[in-house]
Protein backbone atom coordinates (compact mmCIF):
# COMPACT_ATOMS: atom_id res chain seq x y z
CA MET A 1 -34.79 -0.96 -6.04
CA LEU A 2 -35.56 0.38 -2.59
CA THR A 3 -38.66 2.36 -1.75
CA LEU A 4 -38.35 5.83 -0.30
CA SER A 5 -39.39 4.56 3.14
CA GLU A 6 -36.72 1.84 3.02
CA GLU A 7 -34.08 4.41 2.10
CA ILE A 8 -35.10 6.69 4.97
CA PHE A 9 -34.93 3.73 7.37
CA LEU A 10 -31.43 2.82 6.18
CA LEU A 11 -30.27 6.43 6.56
CA ALA A 12 -31.38 6.34 10.21
CA LEU A 13 -29.27 3.27 11.03
CA ASP A 14 -25.91 3.43 12.73
CA ASP A 15 -23.37 1.90 10.35
CA ASP A 16 -21.37 0.38 13.23
CA ASN A 17 -24.04 -1.50 15.17
CA GLY A 18 -27.21 -1.44 13.02
CA ASN A 19 -29.31 0.36 15.63
CA ILE A 20 -31.39 3.43 14.86
CA LEU A 21 -29.35 6.55 15.59
CA SER A 22 -30.43 8.20 18.84
CA PHE A 23 -31.31 11.53 17.23
CA ALA A 24 -33.47 9.74 14.62
CA LYS A 25 -35.60 7.64 16.98
CA LYS A 26 -38.45 10.13 17.36
CA PRO A 27 -38.65 11.65 13.86
CA ILE A 28 -38.13 8.43 11.88
CA GLY A 29 -41.80 7.46 12.16
CA TYR A 30 -42.86 10.74 10.59
CA GLY A 31 -40.33 10.39 7.81
CA ILE A 32 -41.33 6.83 6.99
CA GLY A 33 -45.03 7.69 7.18
CA GLY A 34 -44.54 10.59 4.80
CA ALA A 35 -42.50 8.40 2.47
CA ILE A 36 -45.26 5.77 2.38
CA LEU A 37 -47.85 8.40 1.53
CA SER A 38 -45.52 9.82 -1.13
CA GLU A 39 -45.10 6.37 -2.70
CA LEU A 40 -48.90 6.01 -2.82
CA VAL A 41 -49.18 9.42 -4.52
CA PHE A 42 -46.44 8.49 -7.03
CA GLN A 43 -48.34 5.29 -7.86
CA ASP A 44 -51.58 7.27 -8.26
CA ARG A 45 -53.26 5.36 -5.40
CA ILE A 46 -54.18 8.41 -3.33
CA GLN A 47 -54.60 12.09 -3.97
CA ILE A 48 -54.87 15.22 -1.89
CA GLY A 49 -58.41 16.54 -2.19
CA GLU A 50 -60.31 19.47 -0.80
CA LYS A 51 -59.19 20.84 2.55
CA HIS A 52 -55.96 18.82 2.15
CA ARG A 53 -57.73 15.49 2.79
CA LEU A 54 -56.46 12.19 1.39
CA THR A 55 -58.70 10.48 -1.13
CA LEU A 56 -58.20 6.84 -2.03
CA LYS A 57 -58.23 6.54 -5.83
CA ASN A 58 -57.19 2.94 -6.36
CA SER A 59 -57.36 0.29 -3.63
CA SER A 60 -56.02 -2.63 -5.67
CA PRO A 61 -52.87 -4.30 -4.28
CA THR A 62 -49.52 -2.76 -5.17
CA GLY A 63 -47.47 -5.88 -4.52
CA ASP A 64 -45.64 -4.12 -1.69
CA GLU A 65 -46.72 -5.35 1.75
CA ILE A 66 -46.24 -2.01 3.50
CA LEU A 67 -48.02 0.05 0.84
CA ASP A 68 -50.86 -2.48 0.68
CA GLU A 69 -51.31 -2.27 4.45
CA ALA A 70 -51.40 1.53 4.25
CA ILE A 71 -54.13 1.30 1.59
CA VAL A 72 -56.15 -1.04 3.83
CA GLU A 73 -55.76 1.34 6.78
CA ILE A 74 -56.88 4.33 4.71
CA LYS A 75 -59.79 2.39 3.25
CA GLN A 76 -61.02 1.14 6.65
CA SER A 77 -60.59 4.42 8.51
CA ASP A 78 -63.77 6.31 9.36
CA LYS A 79 -61.88 9.52 10.07
CA ALA A 80 -61.21 12.17 7.46
CA HIS A 81 -57.61 11.85 6.26
């Protein structure tokens, strides 16, 4: 089963040559980033707290390399999310 971010990536690909469609090049990063955060919410790893800030609830590995890297980035970040 594909993750939401993988599905968004596949939707942005040109069926003929496998390149990212020209109109999708700029917004794809936002879509994939949002999909990764959504997956983490679905798995109860993060939550939206006060003032719409992300809170890490569970930093244990998910088994998905991309989601695990996102958890590490959130955990190591000094900035409010």
